[in-house]
């Protein structure tokens, strides 16, 4: 396994915390969120500038403090980044850009 983020080596240890957060999302009826997607959010957004010697209790606190809206705003932006917009003609594009 390639360790690409400072906290990747803790992922297995943090799995119960991640599952707890995912269950919270589900209980609040926000649909299914994959554990990998939640981890990507943490790595790319919350822990973008990771602290080398951060305590595991602080990392757990980061996970438990995630707000549903915060995650879904991130997920929406990420999905739009990958979206490909195709227009049948230039009039549609002009209408959109008004």
PDB file of N, CA and C in Angstrom:
ATOM      1  N   UNK A   1       0.841  -1.184   0.000  1.00  0.00           N
ATOM      2  CA  UNK A   1       0.000   0.000   0.000  1.00  0.00           C
ATOM      3  C   UNK A   1       0.883   1.243   0.000  1.00  0.00           C
ATOM      4  N   UNK A   2       0.589   2.159  -0.868  1.00  0.00           N
ATOM      5  CA  UNK A   2       1.323   3.413  -0.969  1.00  0.00           C
ATOM      6  C   UNK A   2       0.739   4.415   0.014  1.00  0.00           C
ATOM      7  N   UNK A   3       1.547   4.939   0.906  1.00  0.00           N
ATOM      8  CA  UNK A   3       1.059   5.939   1.845  1.00  0.00           C
ATOM      9  C   UNK A   3       1.230   7.304   1.198  1.00  0.00           C
ATOM     10  N   UNK A   4       0.104   7.932   0.865  1.00  0.00           N
ATOM     11  CA  UNK A   4       0.156   9.199   0.147  1.00  0.00           C
ATOM     12  C   UNK A   4      -0.250  10.384   1.017  1.00  0.00           C
ATOM     13  N   UNK A   5      -0.792  10.110   2.182  1.00  0.00           N
ATOM     14  CA  UNK A   5      -1.181  11.178   3.081  1.00  0.00           C
ATOM     15  C   UNK A   5      -0.641  10.859   4.474  1.00  0.00           C
ATOM     16  N   UNK A   6      -0.387  11.891   5.227  1.00  0.00           N
ATOM     17  CA  UNK A   6       0.203  11.760   6.554  1.00  0.00           C
ATOM     18  C   UNK A   6      -0.587  10.811   7.461  1.00  0.00           C
ATOM     19  N   UNK A   7      -1.915  10.786   7.321  1.00  0.00           N
ATOM     20  CA  UNK A   7      -2.744   9.986   8.229  1.00  0.00           C
ATOM     21  C   UNK A   7      -3.201   8.652   7.642  1.00  0.00           C
ATOM     22  N   UNK A   8      -2.777   8.311   6.428  1.00  0.00           N
ATOM     23  CA  UNK A   8      -3.217   7.059   5.800  1.00  0.00           C
ATOM     24  C   UNK A   8      -2.877   5.825   6.637  1.00  0.00           C
ATOM     25  N   UNK A   9      -1.776   5.879   7.353  1.00  0.00           N
ATOM     26  CA  UNK A   9      -1.385   4.715   8.155  1.00  0.00           C
ATOM     27  C   UNK A   9      -2.343   4.464   9.326  1.00  0.00           C
ATOM     28  N   UNK A  10      -3.212   5.432   9.637  1.00  0.00           N
ATOM     29  CA  UNK A  10      -4.184   5.302  10.723  1.00  0.00           C
ATOM     30  C   UNK A  10      -5.564   4.882  10.236  1.00  0.00           C
ATOM     31  N   UNK A  11      -5.710   4.710   8.957  1.00  0.00           N
ATOM     32  CA  UNK A  11      -7.037   4.473   8.370  1.00  0.00           C
ATOM     33  C   UNK A  11      -7.753   3.277   8.983  1.00  0.00           C
ATOM     34  N   UNK A  12      -7.074   2.160   9.157  1.00  0.00           N
ATOM     35  CA  UNK A  12      -7.713   0.965   9.723  1.00  0.00           C
ATOM     36  C   UNK A  12      -8.130   1.224  11.167  1.00  0.00           C
ATOM     37  N   UNK A  13      -7.282   1.911  11.906  1.00  0.00           N
ATOM     38  CA  UNK A  13      -7.592   2.247  13.288  1.00  0.00           C
ATOM     39  C   UNK A  13      -8.788   3.192  13.384  1.00  0.00           C
ATOM     40  N   UNK A  14      -8.935   4.047  12.406  1.00  0.00           N
ATOM     41  CA  UNK A  14     -10.004   5.047  12.401  1.00  0.00           C
ATOM     42  C   UNK A  14     -11.308   4.530  11.791  1.00  0.00           C
ATOM     43  N   UNK A  15     -11.302   3.330  11.277  1.00  0.00           N
ATOM     44  CA  UNK A  15     -12.476   2.803  10.590  1.00  0.00           C
ATOM     45  C   UNK A  15     -13.754   2.826  11.449  1.00  0.00           C
ATOM     46  N   UNK A  16     -13.698   2.457  12.735  1.00  0.00           N
ATOM     47  CA  UNK A  16     -14.931   2.540  13.540  1.00  0.00           C
ATOM     48  C   UNK A  16     -15.477   3.973  13.650  1.00  0.00           C
ATOM     49  N   UNK A  17     -14.601   4.943  13.701  1.00  0.00           N
ATOM     50  CA  UNK A  17     -15.020   6.346  13.778  1.00  0.00           C
ATOM     51  C   UNK A  17     -15.655   6.775  12.452  1.00  0.00           C
ATOM     52  N   UNK A  18     -15.035   6.370  11.359  1.00  0.00           N
ATOM     53  CA  UNK A  18     -15.586   6.678  10.035  1.00  0.00           C
ATOM     54  C   UNK A  18     -16.969   6.050   9.879  1.00  0.00           C
ATOM     55  N   UNK A  19     -17.105   4.796  10.313  1.00  0.00           N
ATOM     56  CA  UNK A  19     -18.399   4.118  10.217  1.00  0.00           C
ATOM     57  C   UNK A  19     -19.451   4.818  11.062  1.00  0.00           C
ATOM     58  N   UNK A  20     -19.054   5.285  12.225  1.00  0.00           N
ATOM     59  CA  UNK A  20     -19.976   6.013  13.094  1.00  0.00           C
ATOM     60  C   UNK A  20     -20.487   7.279  12.403  1.00  0.00           C
ATOM     61  N   UNK A  21     -19.597   7.997  11.756  1.00  0.00           N
ATOM     62  CA  UNK A  21     -19.993   9.218  11.048  1.00  0.00           C
ATOM     63  C   UNK A  21     -20.908   8.879   9.872  1.00  0.00           C
ATOM     64  N   UNK A  22     -20.597   7.803   9.158  1.00  0.00           N
ATOM     65  CA  UNK A  22     -21.445   7.391   8.033  1.00  0.00           C
ATOM     66  C   UNK A  22     -22.836   6.980   8.515  1.00  0.00           C
ATOM     67  N   UNK A  23     -22.912   6.321   9.664  1.00  0.00           N
ATOM     68  CA  UNK A  23     -24.203   5.945  10.242  1.00  0.00           C
ATOM     69  C   UNK A  23     -25.001   7.196  10.630  1.00  0.00           C
ATOM     70  N   UNK A  24     -24.310   8.201  11.129  1.00  0.00           N
ATOM     71  CA  UNK A  24     -24.966   9.469  11.455  1.00  0.00           C
ATOM     72  C   UNK A  24     -25.590  10.079  10.198  1.00  0.00           C
ATOM     73  N   UNK A  25     -24.847  10.095   9.097  1.00  0.00           N
ATOM     74  CA  UNK A  25     -25.387  10.600   7.831  1.00  0.00           C
ATOM     75  C   UNK A  25     -26.639   9.822   7.446  1.00  0.00           C
ATOM     76  N   UNK A  26     -26.568   8.511   7.592  1.00  0.00           N
ATOM     77  CA  UNK A  26     -27.692   7.647   7.226  1.00  0.00           C
ATOM     78  C   UNK A  26     -28.902   7.903   8.130  1.00  0.00           C
ATOM     79  N   UNK A  27     -28.666   8.033   9.428  1.00  0.00           N
ATOM     80  CA  UNK A  27     -29.764   8.300  10.367  1.00  0.00           C
ATOM     81  C   UNK A  27     -30.450   9.630  10.084  1.00  0.00           C
ATOM     82  N   UNK A  28     -29.669  10.581   9.594  1.00  0.00           N
ATOM     83  CA  UNK A  28     -30.227  11.883   9.242  1.00  0.00           C
ATOM     84  C   UNK A  28     -30.834  11.881   7.841  1.00  0.00           C
ATOM     85  N   UNK A  29     -30.886  10.683   7.243  1.00  0.00           N
ATOM     86  CA  UNK A  29     -31.498  10.444   5.933  1.00  0.00           C
ATOM     87  C   UNK A  29     -30.836  11.233   4.811  1.00  0.00           C
ATOM     88  N   UNK A  30     -29.506  11.262   4.829  1.00  0.00           N
ATOM     89  CA  UNK A  30     -28.762  11.918   3.763  1.00  0.00           C
ATOM     90  C   UNK A  30     -28.233  10.923   2.748  1.00  0.00           C
ATOM     91  N   UNK A  31     -28.742   9.720   2.765  1.00  0.00           N
ATOM     92  CA  UNK A  31     -28.360   8.735   1.767  1.00  0.00           C
ATOM     93  C   UNK A  31     -27.043   8.060   2.078  1.00  0.00           C
ATOM     94  N   UNK A  32     -26.645   7.237   1.137  1.00  0.00           N
ATOM     95  CA  UNK A  32     -25.432   6.453   1.293  1.00  0.00           C
ATOM     96  C   UNK A  32     -24.201   7.267   0.917  1.00  0.00           C
ATOM     97  N   UNK A  33     -23.233   7.252   1.785  1.00  0.00           N
ATOM     98  CA  UNK A  33     -21.932   7.852   1.507  1.00  0.00           C
ATOM     99  C   UNK A  33     -20.915   6.742   1.701  1.00  0.00           C
ATOM    100  N   UNK A  34     -20.057   6.551   0.734  1.00  0.00           N
ATOM    101  CA  UNK A  34     -19.039   5.506   0.830  1.00  0.00           C
ATOM    102  C   UNK A  34     -17.920   5.962   1.771  1.00  0.00           C
ATOM    103  N   UNK A  35     -17.358   5.005   2.470  1.00  0.00           N
ATOM    104  CA  UNK A  35     -16.266   5.310   3.387  1.00  0.00           C
ATOM    105  C   UNK A  35     -15.099   5.968   2.654  1.00  0.00           C
ATOM    106  N   UNK A  36     -14.806   5.495   1.451  1.00  0.00           N
ATOM    107  CA  UNK A  36     -13.707   6.072   0.666  1.00  0.00           C
ATOM    108  C   UNK A  36     -13.986   7.537   0.329  1.00  0.00           C
ATOM    109  N   UNK A  37     -15.237   7.861   0.042  1.00  0.00           N
ATOM    110  CA  UNK A  37     -15.595   9.250  -0.269  1.00  0.00           C
ATOM    111  C   UNK A  37     -15.414  10.151   0.947  1.00  0.00           C
ATOM    112  N   UNK A  38     -15.791   9.640   2.113  1.00  0.00           N
ATOM    113  CA  UNK A  38     -15.599  10.406   3.342  1.00  0.00           C
ATOM    114  C   UNK A  38     -14.107  10.599   3.616  1.00  0.00           C
ATOM    115  N   UNK A  39     -13.325   9.543   3.407  1.00  0.00           N
ATOM    116  CA  UNK A  39     -11.879   9.634   3.606  1.00  0.00           C
ATOM    117  C   UNK A  39     -11.262  10.658   2.647  1.00  0.00           C
ATOM    118  N   UNK A  40     -11.700  10.624   1.384  1.00  0.00           N
ATOM    119  CA  UNK A  40     -11.195  11.593   0.399  1.00  0.00           C
ATOM    120  C   UNK A  40     -11.509  13.027   0.830  1.00  0.00           C
ATOM    121  N   UNK A  41     -12.713  13.235   1.364  1.00  0.00           N
ATOM    122  CA  UNK A  41     -13.080  14.558   1.871  1.00  0.00           C
ATOM    123  C   UNK A  41     -12.114  14.998   2.969  1.00  0.00           C
ATOM    124  N   UNK A  42     -11.849  14.096   3.892  1.00  0.00           N
ATOM    125  CA  UNK A  42     -10.948  14.421   4.994  1.00  0.00           C
ATOM    126  C   UNK A  42      -9.558  14.762   4.485  1.00  0.00           C
ATOM    127  N   UNK A  43      -9.035  13.934   3.605  1.00  0.00           N
ATOM    128  CA  UNK A  43      -7.675  14.114   3.093  1.00  0.00           C
ATOM    129  C   UNK A  43      -7.555  15.384   2.255  1.00  0.00           C
ATOM    130  N   UNK A  44      -8.540  15.617   1.394  1.00  0.00           N
ATOM    131  CA  UNK A  44      -8.448  16.737   0.458  1.00  0.00           C
ATOM    132  C   UNK A  44      -8.915  18.071   1.038  1.00  0.00           C
ATOM    133  N   UNK A  45      -9.796  18.016   2.030  1.00  0.00           N
ATOM    134  CA  UNK A  45     -10.376  19.254   2.553  1.00  0.00           C
ATOM    135  C   UNK A  45      -9.937  19.522   3.997  1.00  0.00           C
ATOM    136  N   UNK A  46     -10.335  18.650   4.910  1.00  0.00           N
ATOM    137  CA  UNK A  46     -10.054  18.855   6.335  1.00  0.00           C
ATOM    138  C   UNK A  46      -8.565  18.817   6.649  1.00  0.00           C
ATOM    139  N   UNK A  47      -7.877  17.840   6.065  1.00  0.00           N
ATOM    140  CA  UNK A  47      -6.470  17.612   6.385  1.00  0.00           C
ATOM    141  C   UNK A  47      -5.564  18.006   5.231  1.00  0.00           C
ATOM    142  N   UNK A  48      -5.967  18.981   4.471  1.00  0.00           N
ATOM    143  CA  UNK A  48      -5.173  19.417   3.324  1.00  0.00           C
ATOM    144  C   UNK A  48      -3.757  19.790   3.760  1.00  0.00           C
ATOM    145  N   UNK A  49      -3.649  20.476   4.874  1.00  0.00           N
ATOM    146  CA  UNK A  49      -2.357  20.845   5.450  1.00  0.00           C
ATOM    147  C   UNK A  49      -2.173  20.056   6.748  1.00  0.00           C
ATOM    148  N   UNK A  50      -1.892  18.775   6.608  1.00  0.00           N
ATOM    149  CA  UNK A  50      -1.804  17.870   7.755  1.00  0.00           C
ATOM    150  C   UNK A  50      -0.661  18.243   8.686  1.00  0.00           C
ATOM    151  N   UNK A  51      -0.926  18.070   9.970  1.00  0.00           N
ATOM    152  CA  UNK A  51       0.075  18.300  11.008  1.00  0.00           C
ATOM    153  C   UNK A  51       0.773  16.968  11.276  1.00  0.00           C
ATOM    154  N   UNK A  52       2.071  16.979  11.247  1.00  0.00           N
ATOM    155  CA  UNK A  52       2.865  15.754  11.353  1.00  0.00           C
ATOM    156  C   UNK A  52       2.614  14.969  12.642  1.00  0.00           C
ATOM    157  N   UNK A  53       2.631  15.619  13.784  1.00  0.00           N
ATOM    158  CA  UNK A  53       2.523  14.916  15.067  1.00  0.00           C
ATOM    159  C   UNK A  53       1.169  15.105  15.743  1.00  0.00           C
ATOM    160  N   UNK A  54       0.121  15.135  14.971  1.00  0.00           N
ATOM    161  CA  UNK A  54      -1.224  15.335  15.508  1.00  0.00           C
ATOM    162  C   UNK A  54      -1.649  14.091  16.287  1.00  0.00           C
ATOM    163  N   UNK A  55      -2.261  14.296  17.435  1.00  0.00           N
ATOM    164  CA  UNK A  55      -2.722  13.185  18.262  1.00  0.00           C
ATOM    165  C   UNK A  55      -3.915  12.511  17.600  1.00  0.00           C
ATOM    166  N   UNK A  56      -4.031  11.197  17.829  1.00  0.00           N
ATOM    167  CA  UNK A  56      -5.147  10.459  17.228  1.00  0.00           C
ATOM    168  C   UNK A  56      -6.481  10.969  17.769  1.00  0.00           C
ATOM    169  N   UNK A  57      -6.509  11.424  19.009  1.00  0.00           N
ATOM    170  CA  UNK A  57      -7.757  11.970  19.564  1.00  0.00           C
ATOM    171  C   UNK A  57      -8.190  13.225  18.803  1.00  0.00           C
ATOM    172  N   UNK A  58      -7.239  14.009  18.339  1.00  0.00           N
ATOM    173  CA  UNK A  58      -7.563  15.203  17.556  1.00  0.00           C
ATOM    174  C   UNK A  58      -8.068  14.815  16.164  1.00  0.00           C
ATOM    175  N   UNK A  59      -7.518  13.744  15.610  1.00  0.00           N
ATOM    176  CA  UNK A  59      -7.968  13.251  14.309  1.00  0.00           C
ATOM    177  C   UNK A  59      -9.393  12.719  14.422  1.00  0.00           C
ATOM    178  N   UNK A  60      -9.665  11.981  15.500  1.00  0.00           N
ATOM    179  CA  UNK A  60     -11.025  11.483  15.750  1.00  0.00           C
ATOM    180  C   UNK A  60     -11.986  12.663  15.897  1.00  0.00           C
ATOM    181  N   UNK A  61     -11.563  13.679  16.613  1.00  0.00           N
ATOM    182  CA  UNK A  61     -12.390  14.867  16.786  1.00  0.00           C
ATOM    183  C   UNK A  61     -12.690  15.532  15.441  1.00  0.00           C
ATOM    184  N   UNK A  62     -11.693  15.583  14.551  1.00  0.00           N
ATOM    185  CA  UNK A  62     -11.913  16.134  13.201  1.00  0.00           C
ATOM    186  C   UNK A  62     -13.019  15.380  12.479  1.00  0.00           C
ATOM    187  N   UNK A  63     -12.980  14.059  12.583  1.00  0.00           N
ATOM    188  CA  UNK A  63     -13.974  13.227  11.887  1.00  0.00           C
ATOM    189  C   UNK A  63     -15.359  13.453  12.477  1.00  0.00           C
ATOM    190  N   UNK A  64     -15.447  13.423  13.797  1.00  0.00           N
ATOM    191  CA  UNK A  64     -16.751  13.547  14.440  1.00  0.00           C
ATOM    192  C   UNK A  64     -17.340  14.950  14.290  1.00  0.00           C
ATOM    193  N   UNK A  65     -16.503  15.947  14.023  1.00  0.00           N
ATOM    194  CA  UNK A  65     -16.980  17.321  13.888  1.00  0.00           C
ATOM    195  C   UNK A  65     -17.483  17.654  12.485  1.00  0.00           C
ATOM    196  N   UNK A  66     -17.370  16.713  11.551  1.00  0.00           N
ATOM    197  CA  UNK A  66     -17.835  16.978  10.177  1.00  0.00           C
ATOM    198  C   UNK A  66     -19.333  17.242  10.191  1.00  0.00           C
ATOM    199  N   UNK A  67     -19.716  18.331   9.583  1.00  0.00           N
ATOM    200  CA  UNK A  67     -21.134  18.652   9.434  1.00  0.00           C
ATOM    201  C   UNK A  67     -21.604  18.083   8.098  1.00  0.00           C
ATOM    202  N   UNK A  68     -22.827  17.612   8.076  1.00  0.00           N
ATOM    203  CA  UNK A  68     -23.388  17.011   6.870  1.00  0.00           C
ATOM    204  C   UNK A  68     -23.302  17.976   5.693  1.00  0.00           C
ATOM    205  N   UNK A  69     -23.684  19.216   5.918  1.00  0.00           N
ATOM    206  CA  UNK A  69     -23.646  20.216   4.851  1.00  0.00           C
ATOM    207  C   UNK A  69     -22.243  20.452   4.323  1.00  0.00           C
ATOM    208  N   UNK A  70     -21.281  20.436   5.217  1.00  0.00           N
ATOM    209  CA  UNK A  70     -19.887  20.623   4.838  1.00  0.00           C
ATOM    210  C   UNK A  70     -19.441  19.513   3.874  1.00  0.00           C
ATOM    211  N   UNK A  71     -19.787  18.271   4.217  1.00  0.00           N
ATOM    212  CA  UNK A  71     -19.415  17.154   3.342  1.00  0.00           C
ATOM    213  C   UNK A  71     -20.130  17.254   1.996  1.00  0.00           C
ATOM    214  N   UNK A  72     -21.430  17.503   2.018  1.00  0.00           N
ATOM    215  CA  UNK A  72     -22.185  17.501   0.768  1.00  0.00           C
ATOM    216  C   UNK A  72     -21.859  18.706  -0.116  1.00  0.00           C
ATOM    217  N   UNK A  73     -21.469  19.822   0.459  1.00  0.00           N
ATOM    218  CA  UNK A  73     -20.976  20.939  -0.359  1.00  0.00           C
ATOM    219  C   UNK A  73     -19.716  20.509  -1.107  1.00  0.00           C
ATOM    220  N   UNK A  74     -18.814  19.863  -0.399  1.00  0.00           N
ATOM    221  CA  UNK A  74     -17.582  19.350  -1.014  1.00  0.00           C
ATOM    222  C   UNK A  74     -17.919  18.350  -2.122  1.00  0.00           C
ATOM    223  N   UNK A  75     -18.819  17.404  -1.829  1.00  0.00           N
ATOM    224  CA  UNK A  75     -19.177  16.366  -2.806  1.00  0.00           C
ATOM    225  C   UNK A  75     -19.809  16.983  -4.054  1.00  0.00           C
ATOM    226  N   UNK A  76     -20.625  18.010  -3.869  1.00  0.00           N
ATOM    227  CA  UNK A  76     -21.257  18.678  -5.000  1.00  0.00           C
ATOM    228  C   UNK A  76     -20.216  19.355  -5.882  1.00  0.00           C
ATOM    229  N   UNK A  77     -19.310  20.083  -5.261  1.00  0.00           N
ATOM    230  CA  UNK A  77     -18.260  20.765  -6.027  1.00  0.00           C
ATOM    231  C   UNK A  77     -17.399  19.757  -6.777  1.00  0.00           C
ATOM    232  N   UNK A  78     -17.039  18.663  -6.115  1.00  0.00           N
ATOM    233  CA  UNK A  78     -16.223  17.631  -6.767  1.00  0.00           C
ATOM    234  C   UNK A  78     -16.949  17.012  -7.953  1.00  0.00           C
ATOM    235  N   UNK A  79     -18.254  16.772  -7.802  1.00  0.00           N
ATOM    236  CA  UNK A  79     -18.992  16.183  -8.918  1.00  0.00           C
ATOM    237  C   UNK A  79     -19.111  17.160 -10.085  1.00  0.00           C
ATOM    238  N   UNK A  80     -19.237  18.447  -9.778  1.00  0.00           N
ATOM    239  CA  UNK A  80     -19.306  19.448 -10.849  1.00  0.00           C
ATOM    240  C   UNK A  80     -17.966  19.609 -11.558  1.00  0.00           C
ATOM    241  N   UNK A  81     -16.877  19.431 -10.831  1.00  0.00           N
ATOM    242  CA  UNK A  81     -15.556  19.509 -11.457  1.00  0.00           C
ATOM    243  C   UNK A  81     -15.397  18.444 -12.529  1.00  0.00           C
ATOM    244  N   UNK A  82     -15.985  17.286 -12.294  1.00  0.00           N
ATOM    245  CA  UNK A  82     -15.857  16.186 -13.237  1.00  0.00           C
ATOM    246  C   UNK A  82     -16.940  16.164 -14.297  1.00  0.00           C
ATOM    247  N   UNK A  83     -17.932  17.023 -14.146  1.00  0.00           N
ATOM    248  CA  UNK A  83     -19.051  17.019 -15.095  1.00  0.00           C
ATOM    249  C   UNK A  83     -18.611  17.609 -16.428  1.00  0.00           C
ATOM    250  N   UNK A  84     -19.154  17.023 -17.459  1.00  0.00           N
ATOM    251  CA  UNK A  84     -18.863  17.507 -18.803  1.00  0.00           C
ATOM    252  C   UNK A  84     -20.150  18.057 -19.393  1.00  0.00           C
ATOM    253  N   UNK A  85     -20.136  19.334 -19.708  1.00  0.00           N
ATOM    254  CA  UNK A  85     -21.320  19.962 -20.271  1.00  0.00           C
ATOM    255  C   UNK A  85     -21.237  19.951 -21.791  1.00  0.00           C
ATOM    256  N   UNK A  86     -22.295  19.436 -22.393  1.00  0.00           N
ATOM    257  CA  UNK A  86     -22.346  19.363 -23.843  1.00  0.00           C
ATOM    258  C   UNK A  86     -23.602  20.114 -24.305  1.00  0.00           C
ATOM    259  N   UNK A  87     -23.406  20.993 -25.248  1.00  0.00           N
ATOM    260  CA  UNK A  87     -24.527  21.754 -25.784  1.00  0.00           C
ATOM    261  C   UNK A  87     -24.740  21.386 -27.240  1.00  0.00           C
ATOM    262  N   UNK A  88     -26.018  21.258 -27.613  1.00  0.00           N
ATOM    263  CA  UNK A  88     -26.355  20.896 -28.983  1.00  0.00           C
ATOM    264  C   UNK A  88     -26.028  22.027 -29.960  1.00  0.00           C
ATOM    265  N   UNK A  89     -26.181  23.240 -29.510  1.00  0.00           N
ATOM    266  CA  UNK A  89     -25.860  24.364 -30.390  1.00  0.00           C
ATOM    267  C   UNK A  89     -25.365  25.558 -29.574  1.00  0.00           C
ATOM    268  N   UNK A  90     -24.879  26.559 -30.255  1.00  0.00           N
ATOM    269  CA  UNK A  90     -24.313  27.736 -29.593  1.00  0.00           C
ATOM    270  C   UNK A  90     -25.381  28.575 -28.905  1.00  0.00           C
ATOM    271  N   UNK A  91     -26.632  28.485 -29.360  1.00  0.00           N
ATOM    272  CA  UNK A  91     -27.713  29.255 -28.727  1.00  0.00           C
ATOM    273  C   UNK A  91     -27.928  28.808 -27.277  1.00  0.00           C
ATOM    274  N   UNK A  92     -27.845  27.505 -27.038  1.00  0.00           N
ATOM    275  CA  UNK A  92     -27.987  26.998 -25.666  1.00  0.00           C
ATOM    276  C   UNK A  92     -26.876  27.543 -24.776  1.00  0.00           C
ATOM    277  N   UNK A  93     -25.674  27.552 -25.291  1.00  0.00           N
ATOM    278  CA  UNK A  93     -24.532  28.063 -24.529  1.00  0.00           C
ATOM    279  C   UNK A  93     -24.705  29.553 -24.223  1.00  0.00           C
ATOM    280  N   UNK A  94     -25.118  30.316 -25.206  1.00  0.00           N
ATOM    281  CA  UNK A  94     -25.354  31.755 -25.010  1.00  0.00           C
ATOM    282  C   UNK A  94     -26.429  31.988 -23.968  1.00  0.00           C
ATOM    283  N   UNK A  95     -27.485  31.190 -24.009  1.00  0.00           N
ATOM    284  CA  UNK A  95     -28.601  31.317 -23.054  1.00  0.00           C
ATOM    285  C   UNK A  95     -28.107  31.057 -21.628  1.00  0.00           C
ATOM    286  N   UNK A  96     -27.279  30.082 -21.485  1.00  0.00           N
ATOM    287  CA  UNK A  96     -26.731  29.749 -20.170  1.00  0.00           C
ATOM    288  C   UNK A  96     -25.836  30.856 -19.642  1.00  0.00           C
ATOM    289  N   UNK A  97     -25.071  31.472 -20.497  1.00  0.00           N
ATOM    290  CA  UNK A  97     -24.099  32.478 -20.087  1.00  0.00           C
ATOM    291  C   UNK A  97     -24.664  33.895 -19.972  1.00  0.00           C
ATOM    292  N   UNK A  98     -25.943  34.061 -20.170  1.00  0.00           N
ATOM    293  CA  UNK A  98     -26.571  35.399 -20.063  1.00  0.00           C
ATOM    294  C   UNK A  98     -26.419  35.962 -18.689  1.00  0.00           C
TER     295      UNK A  98
END
